[in-house]
Each structure stands twice: as C-alpha cells, then as structure tokens.
Amino acid sequence: MLDVLIRNASVIDGTGADAFRGDVGIEGDCIAAVGDVAGPSRVEVDAAGLTAAPGFIDIHTHSDYSLLIDGRGESALFQGVTTHVCGNCGISAFPVGRNGFYFGPFDSARLRSEVAEDWASAEGYFNVLERQGVAINAAFFVGHGAVRHTVMGQSTQSPARHEMEGMKALVDAQMAEGALGLSTGLTYMPGSSAKTDEIIELTAMTAPYGGIYATHMRNYTASIMDALEEAILIGEEAGVPVHASHITPCPPATGSAPRLLERIERAQAEGHDVTAETEFYATGSTSLKSLLPPWALEGGNRIMVERLKEARQRRRMWREIQESGSELGGSTKTVLMQRGLWNKLWLGNCAVNASLTGRTFAEIGRIRNTHPFDAICDVLIDEGGAASFYGEDKAERDIDCLARGKYCGVGSDGLAMANSGPLADEREHPRCYGGMAYLIRTLVRERGALTLGSLVQKLTRFPAERMGFTDRGLVQEGKKADLVLFDPDGMLDLATIQNPCLYSEGVRWLFVNGVAAVEDGKTTGARGGRVLRRGRFS
C-alpha cells in the first residue's frame, strides 16, 4: 500500500519537458510510481488544478546559522523549497577555533546571541542540526572565510607556511566529514586578502573527494570578466569543477551577461567544468560594513568602529570610495555611493536603528542632518558593525539572459527564516520569504523569460546534478519524495523591502523525504529534512 497517492496533477518532472497529467505515489521516503497509478493508499491528495514538481533546490543560500536557530524553515516551505545549499561565499558555520564563529556579512546581533552550541568541525555541526531536526534538507560547503578566520583571524596578510598548512588540514577534515567543496567570498574580509595561489592550494585539497569550487568572485563590476577568468583558472589548477555564484553583473558592467555566458560555454567546450547561477532580484543585500574599503574592516568590528569614529579615517574612506567605487573590493554596491545614488541604498537588518529599516540613506541622511556616507558610518557605530543594507544595482535584462543560459541556474542568496519565534525580528531581504514565488511571478508570468517547465528544471534537476544529489531533483520512480504541489497562477510573493517577513502564497502541499511539511496550505511542524553529506545524500 502506498503511503501517499497524489491524483490528477499537472506533473512537471524537472527534465524541462512539458507538463503531463498524471498521478504520483509515495512509499516511505521515495517516489514509488508516476503516471496512471492505481491501488490503495493511506493518504490521497486530489491535485486537480495544481502542478506537481520536484521540491525546489535553492542552490545558493546562507541558512547555516538560521536553520540552527530555528529548524522550521517556514519561509522556504511556503516557497516550495525542500533543499538549501549552504556555506556559500566563504561563509560557513565550520570550522571553529579560538577566534570563534565566522559570520561574514551576516553579522547580526540577534544571530550572534542565539548561536549557543559549540563544535569544531563539520561533523559536530551536522550532528547538532540532526539532533534538533530540520524541516528541509541542507548541504554545505566549507567556507574559505571561516577557514582563514579560524587560523589567521581577520588578517590582511598572506599566510605563513605553517598557517597555510593549518588551513589545508582544516579543508581536508571538513571534506572528509561531508562538505560539498570549498567556497570563497573574495570581496569579504578575510577572503578579500587571499591571493589566487592561496585559493588554488586550498581548493586542491577538495579534489580527492570530488569537491566543487564555488566562488563569490573578486569582482562583479568593471573587472567581472577578469574575476571569472580567475575562477576558471583556480578550477583548472586545482583539478575541480567551478561554480560561479550570483554572477549577475553590476554597473558599469551592466549588459555583459551574454559575454559571461559565452565565456562559460567556451570553457565547457574546452573541457572545463564551469557553471554559474544568477540571483534574480534587481535589489540585493549584504552587510553594511562591506560598503567600506576592505582595509577598514581589518581586525574585526571593534577596531573598525574605532576607525569610523576618527574624522581623518572617515575622510580617507570616502575619498577612496569616490575615486574607485566598487573596484576597491567589498560590496559591488559601493558604486552606488560613488555615483551619489543614495536613494538606491536602504538600511536593512539592525537592532538599535530598527525604526529606520527600509528607509533610504538619502532619507536617513536628512533625518540625521548629515551626509549619507556619514549616516552609514554612524549607523555602523551604533550597531557595533552588525547591520545590513539593500542596494539596487542589477538589470532585469541581465537576469533574464543569464537565467536562460545552458550552464546557469538561479539561486536566492537568502536564508531559511520564520516570522514567529527566535528569528521573527530578523528583517532580511525579501528573497528570504519571496524567492521562488517571485521567480515564477516575474520570469515566467510577467516577463516570459522562461517557461514554467524550464524554470522548474533550473530549480530542480540543474542544482541536483551540479551538487551531486543523485537521488533528488526529478519526479521519477526511485527518487527521494521531495515534492511540491502548487498553483502556478496563484504563486505570489508578498515580501517587500519595507515588509520583508511575509510568507509567499500558492504552495498547497510539500513533501520532504516523503514527510508532509505543508498540508492544504498550512505547515505541519514536521521536520523531515536531512543533512546531505557529500557522497551520502540519502
């Protein structure tokens, strides 16, 4: 007897093929039958009017700490997401040493206060997640930023040989314990201080395990093509596949998406395994301190705040931003400051200045009767460096072009959240709650950049194959029963910059490893998710 029988669905199986009318049977944690399915079942779901698809796999997230704090992951469930790929941009919850946790740009006072568990490496972290239970599956890269922070702290120096050997040993240990590969964040401290040779040497440690090099590249603006060349070189020299994270170009490189795709396709033709993903909101988000020149962050938040209090240091920072913009390193959105586009920069997640969240820095400057850059510096002082911001620097034509690329997927760059419980006051980017519903609304219904079938393939088969999840990503007999039933015309994102914590609508049922996480539009509280260790994804 089947555990669940889904009848009368419009099935999009993840291959990119057109939808077909059919049934899907679930037995245990696997899909047992697809097509015209007969026989008894313990639960029968009438899916007339709904689309059945593989559970969406978000290939680029930062849920490392948020899932630890609140394993319900409701913001993901209401988008139809069953798996998060975490540990991106050099930011991971492991390894951990005498310098403590590495939060990178997700340096929230609330996150810091809630992370109470202690572990040293991937296995310890995975065990904590499994003991508490998670509603979605999660797989993890080891972050280069976390590795460097553990050995060298927030140093801008090149590693001494003993430090390099220490970092190599840490990467090897995380891979042995199930990490997907090594990720870098080459615009964030301390990753921005790493030279190419350092990254090649560390990435090579993942090769014997079949690892992947996933990179937040060194530049997404004027030098974006050079940054992509560096990523390809690292993969070639280290002997591993390359995945370029959120490759969407920013000013003055806006419009260069076709060149990026051509270079990736050429690499593939030359025998190099290179892929990418695009983010899909024109507005992005990261840490507010990443708008400063990288040298201003050396030594950590406390020292950075002291620098910001000195008028001479602040003037130097502003002069460098005016001269070089995002070519300094740090956030791509520094170019918006350089161009005086303060109305395209909004204050994000923070504690002391929470009443100003969602206001532009043009407004905050007027409220505080100061220059917008000084307003940024003053907010960072108030918050002890732990604040985020939003910035609009992407073009929809680039997003649409990249989303259609053969070797390019789509990823949210968000976190699994919940608008009740310990994360209720975290006002992160709307992508955390809107994500996949936003994609369906914009790329499919409004702009017609992709068909629903091709978008589903980008959200299921593509990330599953890229990350090596051989038992997921398709509606196919024998695959894991990660399944979403949704109304394609009713998928609606409600989250905005001003009100980012609203759940999406349109998901009616969601199964994670055969366990119902959403039933008839309501979460069940079930925690059927698993930690997906490299090589042991079941």
Protein backbone atom coordinates (compact mmCIF):
# COMPACT_ATOMS: atom_id res chain seq x y z
CA MET A 1 0.00 0.00 0.00
CA LEU A 2 1.22 3.48 -0.91
CA ASP A 3 1.65 5.99 1.89
CA VAL A 4 0.50 8.90 -0.28
CA LEU A 5 -1.19 8.99 -3.66
CA ILE A 6 -1.31 12.32 -5.48
CA ARG A 7 -4.00 12.20 -8.17
CA ASN A 8 -4.88 14.35 -11.17
CA ALA A 9 -1.82 16.61 -11.05
CA SER A 10 -0.20 18.53 -13.87
CA VAL A 11 3.25 16.96 -13.50
CA ILE A 12 6.39 18.92 -14.39
CA ASP A 13 9.08 16.32 -13.81
CA GLY A 14 12.18 18.53 -13.71
CA THR A 15 13.67 17.44 -17.05
CA GLY A 16 12.47 20.59 -18.82
CA ALA A 17 9.74 18.66 -20.66
CA ASP A 18 6.17 19.87 -20.94
CA ALA A 19 3.72 19.05 -18.17
CA PHE A 20 1.63 15.88 -18.35
CA ARG A 21 -1.49 14.84 -16.49
CA GLY A 22 -0.74 12.08 -14.02
CA ASP A 23 -0.51 10.65 -10.53
CA VAL A 24 2.43 10.29 -8.16
CA GLY A 25 2.70 7.62 -5.48
CA ILE A 26 4.93 7.89 -2.40
CA GLU A 27 6.12 4.95 -0.34
CA GLY A 28 8.35 5.73 2.62
CA ASP A 29 10.81 8.43 1.59
CA CYS A 30 10.77 7.58 -2.12
CA ILE A 31 8.63 8.10 -5.19
CA ALA A 32 7.15 4.67 -5.90
CA ALA A 33 5.09 5.30 -9.02
CA VAL A 34 4.45 8.01 -11.64
CA GLY A 35 1.77 8.11 -14.31
CA ASP A 36 -1.59 6.34 -14.11
CA VAL A 37 -1.27 4.94 -10.60
CA ALA A 38 -3.84 2.51 -9.24
CA GLY A 39 -4.25 0.85 -5.88
CA PRO A 40 -4.93 1.80 -2.28
CA SER A 41 -3.10 4.45 -0.25
CA ARG A 42 -3.13 5.70 3.32
CA VAL A 43 -3.49 9.32 2.18
CA GLU A 44 -4.94 10.51 -1.10
CA VAL A 45 -4.46 14.05 -2.36
CA ASP A 46 -6.62 15.43 -5.16
CA ALA A 47 -4.25 17.72 -7.06
CA ALA A 48 -6.69 18.85 -9.74
CA GLY A 49 -5.69 22.37 -10.81
CA LEU A 50 -2.27 22.05 -9.20
CA THR A 51 1.21 21.47 -10.59
CA ALA A 52 3.32 18.69 -9.08
CA ALA A 53 7.08 19.19 -9.35
CA PRO A 54 10.26 18.10 -7.62
CA GLY A 55 10.83 20.11 -4.47
CA PHE A 56 12.78 23.22 -5.36
CA ILE A 57 16.51 23.18 -4.57
CA ASP A 58 17.88 26.62 -3.72
CA ILE A 59 21.46 26.34 -4.96
CA HIS A 60 22.74 29.43 -3.17
CA THR A 61 21.72 30.17 0.42
CA HIS A 62 23.17 31.25 3.75
CA SER A 63 20.99 29.26 6.16
CA ASP A 64 23.95 27.89 8.13
CA TYR A 65 23.02 29.74 11.31
CA SER A 66 19.32 30.41 10.74
CA LEU A 67 18.46 26.70 10.42
CA LEU A 68 20.46 26.09 13.57
CA ILE A 69 18.43 28.69 15.47
CA ASP A 70 15.04 27.71 14.02
CA GLY A 71 14.86 24.42 12.13
CA ARG A 72 11.27 25.02 10.96
CA GLY A 73 12.49 26.97 7.89
CA GLU A 74 8.95 28.14 7.16
CA SER A 75 9.96 30.85 4.70
CA ALA A 76 11.45 28.11 2.50
CA LEU A 77 8.47 25.76 2.87
CA PHE A 78 5.98 28.36 1.65
CA GLN A 79 8.12 28.82 -1.48
CA GLY A 80 8.11 25.09 -2.29
CA VAL A 81 11.77 24.66 -1.35
CA THR A 82 12.88 21.28 0.03
CA THR A 83 16.68 21.71 -0.05
CA HIS A 84 19.10 24.54 0.71
CA VAL A 85 22.72 24.55 -0.43
CA CYS A 86 24.55 26.47 2.30
CA GLY A 87 28.09 27.53 3.17
CA ASN A 88 28.39 29.84 0.17
CA CYS A 89 30.54 32.96 -0.31
CA GLY A 90 33.22 31.70 2.06
CA ILE A 91 30.78 31.79 4.98
CA SER A 92 30.17 28.58 6.91
CA ALA A 93 29.49 27.59 10.50
CA PHE A 94 32.56 25.37 10.48
CA PRO A 95 35.40 25.03 11.21
CA VAL A 96 35.51 26.85 14.55
CA GLY A 97 38.58 27.58 16.64
CA ARG A 98 39.94 30.08 19.14
CA ASN A 99 38.75 33.03 17.02
CA GLY A 100 35.12 31.92 17.35
CA PHE A 101 32.39 31.68 14.75
CA TYR A 102 32.74 33.35 11.36
CA PHE A 103 29.55 35.21 10.43
CA GLY A 104 30.96 37.19 7.50
CA PRO A 105 28.43 39.71 6.16
CA PHE A 106 25.62 38.02 8.13
CA ASP A 107 26.86 39.67 11.28
CA SER A 108 23.59 40.16 13.15
CA ALA A 109 23.49 40.85 16.88
CA ARG A 110 20.48 38.54 17.15
CA LEU A 111 22.16 35.71 15.28
CA ARG A 112 25.23 36.02 17.48
CA SER A 113 23.14 35.91 20.65
CA GLU A 114 21.21 32.83 19.55
CA VAL A 115 24.13 30.65 18.43
CA ALA A 116 24.92 28.79 21.64
CA GLU A 117 26.11 25.36 20.53
CA ASP A 118 29.79 24.53 20.28
CA TRP A 119 31.57 22.38 17.72
CA ALA A 120 34.92 22.34 15.98
CA SER A 121 34.20 20.90 12.55
CA ALA A 122 31.55 19.88 10.03
CA GLU A 123 30.59 16.63 11.71
CA GLY A 124 29.90 18.31 15.04
CA TYR A 125 27.76 20.96 13.36
CA PHE A 126 25.87 18.37 11.30
CA ASN A 127 25.17 16.37 14.47
CA VAL A 128 23.66 19.42 16.18
CA LEU A 129 21.35 20.06 13.22
CA GLU A 130 20.26 16.43 13.11
CA ARG A 131 19.56 16.28 16.85
CA GLN A 132 17.26 19.29 16.75
CA GLY A 133 15.69 18.36 13.41
CA VAL A 134 15.20 20.48 10.31
CA ALA A 135 12.16 20.82 8.06
CA ILE A 136 14.20 20.95 4.85
CA ASN A 137 17.29 19.20 3.54
CA ALA A 138 20.57 21.08 3.74
CA ALA A 139 24.02 20.54 2.21
CA PHE A 140 27.11 22.61 3.00
CA PHE A 141 30.29 23.98 1.52
CA VAL A 142 33.19 24.74 3.83
CA GLY A 143 33.81 28.47 3.65
CA HIS A 144 37.29 29.79 2.92
CA GLY A 145 36.47 32.80 5.09
CA ALA A 146 35.73 30.52 8.03
CA VAL A 147 38.94 28.54 7.44
CA ARG A 148 41.08 31.68 7.21
CA HIS A 149 39.34 33.26 10.21
CA THR A 150 39.99 30.14 12.28
CA VAL A 151 43.73 30.14 11.51
CA MET A 152 44.52 33.83 10.92
CA GLY A 153 41.63 35.88 12.29
CA GLN A 154 40.69 39.00 10.32
CA SER A 155 44.19 39.49 8.93
CA THR A 156 45.01 41.05 5.57
CA GLN A 157 48.43 39.34 5.46
CA SER A 158 49.40 36.42 3.27
CA PRO A 159 49.60 33.19 5.29
CA ALA A 160 52.92 31.94 6.58
CA ARG A 161 53.73 28.36 5.60
CA HIS A 162 52.57 26.94 8.95
CA GLU A 163 49.30 28.89 8.60
CA MET A 164 48.84 27.56 5.08
CA GLU A 165 49.39 24.01 6.27
CA GLY A 166 46.88 24.59 9.06
CA MET A 167 44.26 25.80 6.59
CA LYS A 168 44.88 22.87 4.26
CA ALA A 169 44.40 20.44 7.12
CA LEU A 170 41.12 22.11 8.07
CA VAL A 171 39.79 21.93 4.50
CA ASP A 172 40.76 18.26 4.26
CA ALA A 173 38.99 17.47 7.55
CA GLN A 174 35.74 19.22 6.53
CA MET A 175 35.72 17.38 3.21
CA ALA A 176 36.25 14.04 4.96
CA GLU A 177 33.23 14.84 7.11
CA GLY A 178 30.89 15.56 4.18
CA ALA A 179 31.33 19.12 2.89
CA LEU A 180 30.49 19.69 -0.79
CA GLY A 181 33.68 21.59 -1.56
CA LEU A 182 35.30 24.94 -0.85
CA SER A 183 33.54 28.27 -1.26
CA THR A 184 35.15 31.68 -1.36
CA GLY A 185 33.94 35.21 -0.71
CA LEU A 186 36.62 37.27 -2.42
CA THR A 187 35.04 40.65 -1.67
CA TYR A 188 34.58 39.95 2.06
CA MET A 189 37.15 40.04 4.84
CA PRO A 190 39.23 37.96 5.24
CA GLY A 191 38.78 36.29 1.83
CA SER A 192 39.46 39.55 0.01
CA SER A 193 43.06 39.36 1.26
CA ALA A 194 43.72 35.95 -0.28
CA LYS A 195 45.82 35.76 -3.42
CA THR A 196 44.99 33.34 -6.23
CA ASP A 197 47.77 30.89 -5.34
CA GLU A 198 46.40 30.52 -1.80
CA ILE A 199 42.96 29.63 -3.12
CA ILE A 200 44.34 27.15 -5.65
CA GLU A 201 46.32 25.37 -2.96
CA LEU A 202 43.32 25.11 -0.64
CA THR A 203 40.87 24.17 -3.39
CA ALA A 204 43.17 21.34 -4.48
CA MET A 205 42.55 19.74 -1.09
CA THR A 206 38.96 19.05 -2.18
CA ALA A 207 39.89 17.27 -5.42
CA PRO A 208 40.43 13.78 -3.94
CA TYR A 209 36.90 13.95 -2.50
CA GLY A 210 35.23 15.06 -5.73
CA GLY A 211 34.76 18.58 -4.36
CA ILE A 212 33.43 21.69 -6.09
CA TYR A 213 34.87 25.21 -6.01
CA ALA A 214 32.01 27.69 -5.52
CA THR A 215 33.03 31.32 -5.63
CA HIS A 216 31.68 34.73 -4.81
CA MET A 217 34.13 36.19 -7.29
CA ARG A 218 36.58 39.01 -6.70
CA ASN A 219 34.63 41.49 -8.80
CA TYR A 220 31.19 41.86 -10.39
CA THR A 221 31.63 45.35 -11.81
CA ALA A 222 34.23 46.70 -14.25
CA SER A 223 36.57 43.71 -13.81
CA ILE A 224 33.93 40.97 -13.80
CA MET A 225 35.44 39.17 -16.81
CA ASP A 226 38.85 39.12 -15.12
CA ALA A 227 37.21 37.71 -11.98
CA LEU A 228 35.58 34.93 -13.99
CA GLU A 229 38.94 34.13 -15.60
CA GLU A 230 40.47 33.81 -12.12
CA ALA A 231 37.70 31.42 -11.06
CA ILE A 232 38.22 29.25 -14.16
CA LEU A 233 41.98 29.24 -13.58
CA ILE A 234 41.54 28.13 -9.96
CA GLY A 235 39.41 25.20 -11.07
CA GLU A 236 41.88 24.20 -13.78
CA GLU A 237 44.91 24.35 -11.50
CA ALA A 238 43.19 22.65 -8.57
CA GLY A 239 41.54 19.98 -10.73
CA VAL A 240 37.95 20.62 -9.59
CA PRO A 241 34.68 21.85 -11.13
CA VAL A 242 33.89 25.57 -10.77
CA HIS A 243 30.57 27.17 -9.88
CA ALA A 244 30.43 30.99 -10.09
CA SER A 245 27.97 32.33 -7.55
CA HIS A 246 25.33 35.00 -8.30
CA ILE A 247 27.15 36.01 -11.47
CA THR A 248 24.78 38.92 -12.29
CA PRO A 249 26.87 41.90 -13.48
CA CYS A 250 26.71 45.31 -11.80
CA PRO A 251 27.49 48.85 -13.04
CA PRO A 252 29.48 49.65 -15.11
CA ALA A 253 29.37 46.03 -16.39
CA THR A 254 25.57 46.08 -16.77
CA GLY A 255 24.63 44.39 -20.03
CA SER A 256 27.57 41.96 -20.05
CA ALA A 257 25.53 38.81 -19.32
CA PRO A 258 25.91 37.48 -22.90
CA ARG A 259 29.73 37.75 -22.62
CA LEU A 260 29.71 35.89 -19.32
CA LEU A 261 27.61 33.07 -20.76
CA GLU A 262 29.82 32.87 -23.85
CA ARG A 263 32.92 32.52 -21.67
CA ILE A 264 31.33 29.74 -19.60
CA GLU A 265 30.19 27.92 -22.74
CA ARG A 266 33.70 28.23 -24.20
CA ALA A 267 35.19 26.79 -21.01
CA GLN A 268 32.81 23.85 -21.25
CA ALA A 269 33.76 23.31 -24.89
CA GLU A 270 37.42 23.28 -23.84
CA GLY A 271 36.70 20.53 -21.32
CA HIS A 272 36.49 22.63 -18.16
CA ASP A 273 33.51 22.00 -15.89
CA VAL A 274 32.22 25.54 -15.21
CA THR A 275 28.70 26.58 -14.23
CA ALA A 276 27.08 29.56 -12.54
CA GLU A 277 23.86 30.84 -11.07
CA THR A 278 22.19 34.23 -11.18
CA GLU A 279 20.38 35.98 -8.40
CA PHE A 280 17.02 37.29 -9.57
CA TYR A 281 16.13 40.45 -7.66
CA ALA A 282 17.44 43.75 -9.02
CA THR A 283 17.98 44.71 -5.39
CA GLY A 284 20.49 42.74 -3.34
CA SER A 285 21.58 42.77 0.28
CA THR A 286 24.68 42.24 2.36
CA SER A 287 26.49 43.67 5.39
CA LEU A 288 26.56 47.43 5.71
CA LYS A 289 30.26 47.38 6.56
CA SER A 290 31.02 45.85 3.15
CA LEU A 291 30.41 49.34 1.70
CA LEU A 292 33.69 50.42 3.31
CA PRO A 293 37.15 49.88 1.82
CA PRO A 294 38.35 46.42 2.90
CA TRP A 295 41.25 47.80 4.95
CA ALA A 296 38.73 49.50 7.24
CA LEU A 297 37.46 46.07 8.37
CA GLU A 298 40.81 44.58 9.33
CA GLY A 299 40.93 43.40 12.93
CA GLY A 300 37.17 42.92 13.34
CA ASN A 301 34.17 45.05 14.26
CA ARG A 302 35.53 46.68 17.41
CA ILE A 303 38.59 48.09 15.66
CA MET A 304 36.53 49.07 12.62
CA VAL A 305 34.16 51.08 14.83
CA GLU A 306 37.11 52.93 16.38
CA ARG A 307 38.33 53.82 12.88
CA LEU A 308 34.89 55.15 11.99
CA LYS A 309 34.99 57.48 14.97
CA GLU A 310 38.10 59.21 13.62
CA ALA A 311 37.29 62.02 11.18
CA ARG A 312 40.62 61.57 9.35
CA GLN A 313 40.00 57.84 8.76
CA ARG A 314 36.44 58.51 7.66
CA ARG A 315 37.59 61.13 5.15
CA ARG A 316 40.13 58.68 3.75
CA MET A 317 37.41 56.03 3.29
CA TRP A 318 35.11 58.45 1.50
CA ARG A 319 37.91 59.73 -0.75
CA GLU A 320 38.79 56.17 -1.81
CA ILE A 321 35.13 55.35 -2.49
CA GLN A 322 34.76 58.46 -4.65
CA GLU A 323 37.91 57.60 -6.59
CA SER A 324 37.49 53.84 -7.05
CA GLY A 325 33.95 52.78 -6.16
CA SER A 326 33.48 49.03 -6.09
CA GLU A 327 36.90 48.46 -7.67
CA LEU A 328 38.18 48.87 -4.11
CA GLY A 329 36.74 45.47 -3.22
CA GLY A 330 33.88 44.89 -0.84
CA SER A 331 30.29 45.20 -1.98
CA THR A 332 29.50 45.85 -5.65
CA LYS A 333 27.03 48.43 -4.38
CA THR A 334 29.82 50.83 -3.42
CA VAL A 335 29.42 52.12 -6.97
CA LEU A 336 26.01 53.49 -5.97
CA MET A 337 27.69 55.66 -3.33
CA GLN A 338 30.33 56.73 -5.81
CA ARG A 339 27.57 57.88 -8.17
CA GLY A 340 25.54 59.58 -5.44
CA LEU A 341 22.59 57.17 -5.83
CA TRP A 342 21.70 57.20 -2.14
CA ASN A 343 18.03 56.63 -2.97
CA LYS A 344 19.01 53.13 -4.17
CA LEU A 345 20.54 52.17 -0.80
CA TRP A 346 18.26 51.18 2.08
CA LEU A 347 19.05 50.29 5.70
CA GLY A 348 18.36 46.62 6.36
CA ASN A 349 18.59 44.35 9.40
CA CYS A 350 19.77 46.08 12.58
CA ALA A 351 18.89 46.42 16.28
CA VAL A 352 19.49 49.96 17.58
CA ASN A 353 18.18 51.68 14.44
CA ALA A 354 15.38 49.21 13.67
CA SER A 355 12.89 52.07 13.27
CA LEU A 356 14.86 53.21 10.19
CA THR A 357 14.91 49.81 8.47
CA GLY A 358 13.58 50.13 4.92
CA ARG A 359 14.46 53.84 4.63
CA THR A 360 16.97 55.02 2.05
CA PHE A 361 20.24 56.55 3.16
CA ALA A 362 19.16 59.71 1.37
CA GLU A 363 16.28 59.84 3.86
CA ILE A 364 18.39 58.79 6.84
CA GLY A 365 20.93 61.49 6.00
CA ARG A 366 18.15 64.09 6.03
CA ILE A 367 16.71 62.73 9.27
CA ARG A 368 20.13 62.89 10.92
CA ASN A 369 21.08 66.15 9.21
CA THR A 370 24.30 64.66 7.85
CA HIS A 371 25.83 63.41 4.61
CA PRO A 372 24.52 59.92 3.66
CA PHE A 373 28.01 58.40 3.94
CA ASP A 374 28.35 59.78 7.45
CA ALA A 375 24.91 58.34 8.19
CA ILE A 376 26.23 54.90 7.14
CA CYS A 377 29.27 55.31 9.38
CA ASP A 378 27.16 56.47 12.31
CA VAL A 379 24.75 53.54 11.96
CA LEU A 380 27.70 51.13 11.93
CA ILE A 381 28.99 52.72 15.14
CA ASP A 382 25.54 52.47 16.75
CA GLU A 383 25.21 48.81 15.75
CA GLY A 384 28.76 47.76 16.63
CA GLY A 385 29.25 46.87 12.96
CA ALA A 386 26.33 44.39 12.86
CA ALA A 387 23.88 45.78 10.29
CA SER A 388 22.85 45.04 6.71
CA PHE A 389 21.57 47.08 3.80
CA TYR A 390 19.75 46.73 0.49
CA GLY A 391 21.06 48.13 -2.79
CA GLU A 392 19.60 48.17 -6.30
CA ASP A 393 22.36 47.52 -8.83
CA LYS A 394 21.13 44.72 -11.13
CA ALA A 395 19.34 44.88 -14.51
CA GLU A 396 16.41 42.63 -15.39
CA ARG A 397 17.75 42.10 -18.91
CA ASP A 398 20.92 40.56 -17.46
CA ILE A 399 18.92 38.39 -15.06
CA ASP A 400 16.68 37.13 -17.88
CA CYS A 401 19.64 36.44 -20.16
CA LEU A 402 21.57 34.51 -17.51
CA ALA A 403 18.51 32.53 -16.44
CA ARG A 404 18.21 31.21 -20.00
CA GLY A 405 21.86 30.11 -20.11
CA LYS A 406 22.51 26.39 -20.55
CA TYR A 407 25.08 26.27 -17.76
CA CYS A 408 23.46 28.81 -15.44
CA GLY A 409 20.94 28.21 -12.67
CA VAL A 410 19.10 30.53 -10.28
CA GLY A 411 19.64 30.97 -6.54
CA SER A 412 18.11 33.23 -3.92
CA ASP A 413 21.17 34.20 -1.82
CA GLY A 414 18.70 34.13 1.09
CA LEU A 415 18.18 32.40 4.42
CA ALA A 416 15.58 30.00 5.80
CA MET A 417 13.55 32.08 8.24
CA ALA A 418 10.25 32.15 10.15
CA ASN A 419 8.18 35.20 11.10
CA SER A 420 7.43 33.82 14.55
CA GLY A 421 9.87 32.52 17.13
CA PRO A 422 13.52 33.47 17.60
CA LEU A 423 14.00 34.86 14.07
CA ALA A 424 10.78 36.86 13.92
CA ASP A 425 12.52 40.23 14.19
CA GLU A 426 15.21 39.49 11.60
CA ARG A 427 14.38 41.83 8.72
CA GLU A 428 16.47 40.28 5.98
CA HIS A 429 16.00 40.70 2.22
CA PRO A 430 12.53 39.85 0.80
CA ARG A 431 14.20 36.99 -1.12
CA CYS A 432 14.18 35.01 2.13
CA TYR A 433 10.38 34.88 2.10
CA GLY A 434 9.59 35.64 -1.56
CA GLY A 435 12.26 33.78 -3.55
CA MET A 436 10.73 31.12 -5.76
CA ALA A 437 7.28 32.71 -5.87
CA TYR A 438 8.95 35.91 -7.07
CA LEU A 439 10.76 33.92 -9.78
CA ILE A 440 7.55 32.34 -11.04
CA ARG A 441 5.74 35.67 -10.98
CA THR A 442 8.45 37.72 -12.72
CA LEU A 443 10.45 35.44 -15.03
CA VAL A 444 7.52 33.24 -16.10
CA ARG A 445 4.24 35.15 -15.80
CA GLU A 446 5.27 38.79 -16.25
CA ARG A 447 8.39 38.81 -18.44
CA GLY A 448 8.14 35.43 -20.18
CA ALA A 449 11.90 34.89 -19.93
CA LEU A 450 11.37 31.19 -19.15
CA THR A 451 8.55 28.71 -19.44
CA LEU A 452 7.38 27.17 -16.19
CA GLY A 453 8.89 23.84 -17.23
CA SER A 454 12.30 25.35 -17.96
CA LEU A 455 12.29 27.30 -14.69
CA VAL A 456 11.42 24.16 -12.73
CA GLN A 457 14.37 22.41 -14.41
CA LYS A 458 16.62 25.27 -13.25
CA LEU A 459 15.33 24.80 -9.70
CA THR A 460 15.47 21.01 -9.55
CA ARG A 461 17.48 18.89 -11.98
CA PHE A 462 20.16 21.53 -12.59
CA PRO A 463 21.16 22.05 -8.93
CA ALA A 464 20.73 18.36 -8.10
CA GLU A 465 23.13 17.32 -10.85
CA ARG A 466 25.56 20.15 -10.11
CA MET A 467 25.78 19.34 -6.42
CA GLY A 468 25.75 15.57 -6.92
CA PHE A 469 22.34 14.90 -5.36
CA THR A 470 21.84 11.81 -7.49
CA ASP A 471 18.64 10.74 -5.73
CA ARG A 472 16.77 14.05 -6.00
CA GLY A 473 15.64 16.69 -8.47
CA LEU A 474 13.22 14.67 -10.65
CA VAL A 475 9.70 13.27 -10.37
CA GLN A 476 10.83 9.76 -11.16
CA GLU A 477 10.42 6.34 -9.59
CA GLY A 478 13.15 5.64 -7.05
CA LYS A 479 14.00 9.29 -6.41
CA LYS A 480 13.51 10.76 -2.97
CA ALA A 481 10.00 12.05 -2.39
CA ASP A 482 10.79 15.76 -2.28
CA LEU A 483 7.66 17.08 -3.99
CA VAL A 484 5.75 20.35 -4.21
CA LEU A 485 2.13 20.86 -5.27
CA PHE A 486 1.45 24.48 -6.17
CA ASP A 487 -0.91 26.74 -8.07
CA PRO A 488 1.25 28.21 -10.85
CA ASP A 489 -1.11 31.15 -11.36
CA GLY A 490 -1.50 31.70 -7.62
CA MET A 491 2.19 31.65 -6.66
CA LEU A 492 2.63 35.11 -5.18
CA ASP A 493 5.42 36.74 -3.24
CA LEU A 494 4.25 39.26 -0.65
CA ALA A 495 7.57 40.26 0.96
CA THR A 496 8.91 43.77 0.26
CA ILE A 497 11.84 45.83 1.46
CA GLN A 498 9.52 47.71 3.81
CA ASN A 499 7.83 44.50 5.00
CA PRO A 500 10.18 41.59 4.21
CA CYS A 501 8.77 38.93 6.57
CA LEU A 502 5.57 37.93 4.75
CA TYR A 503 5.18 34.33 3.58
CA SER A 504 4.56 33.55 -0.07
CA GLU A 505 1.27 32.09 -1.27
CA GLY A 506 0.45 29.31 -3.72
CA VAL A 507 2.08 26.19 -2.24
CA ARG A 508 -0.66 23.74 -1.24
CA TRP A 509 1.34 20.61 -0.35
CA LEU A 510 5.02 19.99 0.24
CA PHE A 511 6.74 16.67 0.96
CA VAL A 512 10.32 16.39 2.23
CA ASN A 513 11.64 12.83 2.09
CA GLY A 514 8.02 11.68 1.92
CA VAL A 515 7.01 13.63 5.04
CA ALA A 516 4.29 16.28 4.62
CA ALA A 517 5.72 19.65 5.67
CA VAL A 518 2.77 21.59 4.20
CA GLU A 519 -0.75 20.19 4.06
CA ASP A 520 -3.51 22.10 2.31
CA GLY A 521 -1.56 25.35 2.58
CA LYS A 522 -0.59 25.04 6.24
CA THR A 523 2.68 23.91 7.79
CA THR A 524 2.56 20.70 9.79
CA GLY A 525 5.57 21.29 12.03
CA ALA A 526 7.20 18.10 10.72
CA ARG A 527 10.97 18.02 10.44
CA GLY A 528 11.59 15.51 7.68
CA GLY A 529 14.71 17.21 6.34
CA ARG A 530 18.20 15.73 6.37
CA VAL A 531 21.78 16.91 6.34
CA LEU A 532 23.04 15.90 2.90
CA ARG A 533 26.69 14.97 3.30
CA ARG A 534 28.82 14.76 0.16
CA GLY A 535 28.70 11.23 -1.15
CA ARG A 536 25.95 10.24 1.29
CA PHE A 537 22.99 12.25 0.10
CA SER A 538 20.28 9.80 1.10
